[in-house]
Amino acid sequence: MVHQILMIDDDREMVMLGRLILEREGFKFLFANNGRVGLELLNKEYQNIDLILLDVMMLGMDGWQVLQNIKGNEKFAHIPVIMLTARHYLEDESEAAKYAGMFDGYEVKPFVVKNLLSKINGLINKKNVT
């Protein structure tokens, strides 16, 4: 079974890197370059999406706002979300604490590929077991 990952990130280079890494690992890759487009795509494809990689700092709707929309919709609230940010966790600690129960992982860019893939695989395997 091929698992599909949606990446919502406004950094074009990060999206290209994400595609390269994830497709090389056998995942199907979808992306959106902002929160609004990401939510629209999620609404159309939610039945096929196994995990979301979500950038925190985006223009317009930031990642925390997108996360609230994702987890506030029962159609796709069950999909695991890994937050991605260029800021260290301590810089976003108060913001992250508000949403702690809503996301399933937090990776600081530039991330260690092995660590990110380990989190992705762990969450997808957990989702398939439950």
Protein backbone atom coordinates (compact mmCIF):
# COMPACT_ATOMS: atom_id res chain seq x y z
CA MET A 1 0.00 0.00 0.00
CA VAL A 2 1.37 3.41 -0.98
CA HIS A 3 0.88 6.06 1.69
CA GLN A 4 0.17 9.64 0.74
CA ILE A 5 1.59 12.67 2.50
CA LEU A 6 0.37 16.25 2.15
CA MET A 7 2.98 18.95 2.70
CA ILE A 8 1.71 22.48 3.33
CA ASP A 9 4.65 24.88 3.11
CA ASP A 10 5.24 28.20 1.37
CA ASP A 11 8.98 27.61 0.94
CA ARG A 12 9.45 26.27 -2.59
CA GLU A 13 12.86 24.77 -1.84
CA MET A 14 11.51 22.96 1.21
CA VAL A 15 8.67 21.52 -0.88
CA MET A 16 11.14 20.32 -3.53
CA LEU A 17 13.29 18.72 -0.83
CA GLY A 18 10.22 17.13 0.78
CA ARG A 19 9.11 15.70 -2.56
CA LEU A 20 12.57 14.28 -3.26
CA ILE A 21 12.87 12.64 0.17
CA LEU A 22 9.34 11.28 0.37
CA GLU A 23 9.04 9.98 -3.18
CA ARG A 24 12.43 8.28 -2.82
CA GLU A 25 10.99 6.49 0.23
CA GLY A 26 7.96 5.33 -1.76
CA PHE A 27 5.38 7.83 -0.52
CA LYS A 28 2.91 9.58 -2.77
CA PHE A 29 3.44 13.34 -2.38
CA LEU A 30 0.92 16.17 -2.49
CA PHE A 31 1.69 19.76 -1.63
CA ALA A 32 0.12 23.15 -1.17
CA ASN A 33 2.01 26.44 -1.05
CA ASN A 34 -0.22 28.09 1.57
CA GLY A 35 -2.73 27.25 4.26
CA ARG A 36 -5.87 28.08 2.32
CA VAL A 37 -4.86 25.92 -0.65
CA GLY A 38 -3.76 23.18 1.74
CA LEU A 39 -7.18 23.08 3.41
CA GLU A 40 -8.93 23.04 0.02
CA LEU A 41 -6.75 20.14 -1.14
CA LEU A 42 -7.27 18.32 2.14
CA ASN A 43 -11.03 18.72 1.81
CA LYS A 44 -10.89 17.05 -1.64
CA GLU A 45 -8.31 14.35 -0.85
CA TYR A 46 -8.70 13.67 2.89
CA GLN A 47 -9.71 10.02 2.41
CA ASN A 48 -6.38 9.36 0.69
CA ILE A 49 -4.04 11.35 2.96
CA ASP A 50 -2.16 9.45 5.65
CA LEU A 51 -0.12 12.29 7.18
CA ILE A 52 0.34 16.06 6.94
CA LEU A 53 3.62 17.98 7.14
CA LEU A 54 2.67 21.53 8.11
CA ASP A 55 4.91 24.59 8.14
CA VAL A 56 4.37 26.91 11.11
CA MET A 57 5.45 30.21 9.56
CA MET A 58 3.47 30.97 6.39
CA LEU A 59 2.08 34.19 5.02
CA GLY A 60 -1.65 34.69 5.39
CA MET A 61 -2.89 31.74 7.40
CA ASP A 62 -0.06 30.43 9.61
CA GLY A 63 0.43 26.78 10.48
CA TRP A 64 -1.28 27.06 13.85
CA GLN A 65 -4.43 28.44 12.18
CA VAL A 66 -4.31 25.66 9.59
CA LEU A 67 -3.86 23.10 12.38
CA GLN A 68 -6.95 24.42 14.17
CA ASN A 69 -8.94 24.03 10.96
CA ILE A 70 -7.65 20.51 10.41
CA LYS A 71 -8.36 19.30 13.93
CA GLY A 72 -11.67 21.17 14.07
CA ASN A 73 -13.08 19.19 11.14
CA GLU A 74 -14.20 15.67 12.02
CA LYS A 75 -13.63 14.49 8.43
CA PHE A 76 -9.88 14.80 8.77
CA ALA A 77 -9.14 15.45 12.43
CA HIS A 78 -7.75 11.90 12.72
CA ILE A 79 -4.90 12.54 10.25
CA PRO A 80 -1.54 12.87 12.03
CA VAL A 81 0.22 16.24 11.68
CA ILE A 82 3.92 16.97 12.01
CA MET A 83 4.70 20.66 12.44
CA LEU A 84 7.76 22.00 10.59
CA THR A 85 9.45 25.26 11.51
CA ALA A 86 12.68 27.16 11.03
CA ARG A 87 12.39 28.32 14.64
CA HIS A 88 13.54 26.20 17.55
CA TYR A 89 10.89 24.72 19.78
CA LEU A 90 11.79 27.04 22.64
CA GLU A 91 11.14 30.08 20.44
CA ASP A 92 7.64 28.77 19.74
CA GLU A 93 7.17 27.07 23.11
CA SER A 94 4.23 29.18 24.29
CA GLU A 95 2.50 28.91 20.93
CA ALA A 96 3.23 25.18 20.65
CA ALA A 97 1.97 24.61 24.20
CA LYS A 98 -1.45 26.01 23.23
CA TYR A 99 -1.76 23.36 20.52
CA ALA A 100 0.21 20.52 22.14
CA GLY A 101 -2.57 17.97 21.95
CA MET A 102 -3.35 18.77 18.34
CA PHE A 103 -0.12 17.82 16.56
CA ASP A 104 1.85 14.60 16.54
CA GLY A 105 5.40 15.79 16.01
CA TYR A 106 7.55 18.89 15.72
CA GLU A 107 10.64 19.15 13.50
CA VAL A 108 12.99 22.10 13.26
CA LYS A 109 14.32 22.98 9.79
CA PRO A 110 16.79 22.03 8.60
CA PHE A 111 15.64 18.66 9.87
CA VAL A 112 17.57 15.43 10.01
CA VAL A 113 16.02 13.31 7.25
CA LYS A 114 16.38 10.06 9.21
CA ASN A 115 14.56 11.56 12.21
CA LEU A 116 11.72 12.95 10.11
CA LEU A 117 11.25 9.66 8.25
CA SER A 118 11.27 7.78 11.54
CA LYS A 119 8.47 10.01 12.88
CA ILE A 120 6.49 9.70 9.65
CA ASN A 121 6.76 5.92 9.55
CA GLY A 122 5.96 5.61 13.26
CA LEU A 123 2.81 7.71 12.91
CA ILE A 124 1.63 5.95 9.76
CA ASN A 125 2.22 2.53 11.34
CA LYS A 126 0.37 3.63 14.50
CA LYS A 127 -2.52 4.94 12.40
CA ASN A 128 -2.76 1.64 10.49
CA VAL A 129 -2.84 -0.37 13.72
CA THR A 130 -5.68 1.64 15.28
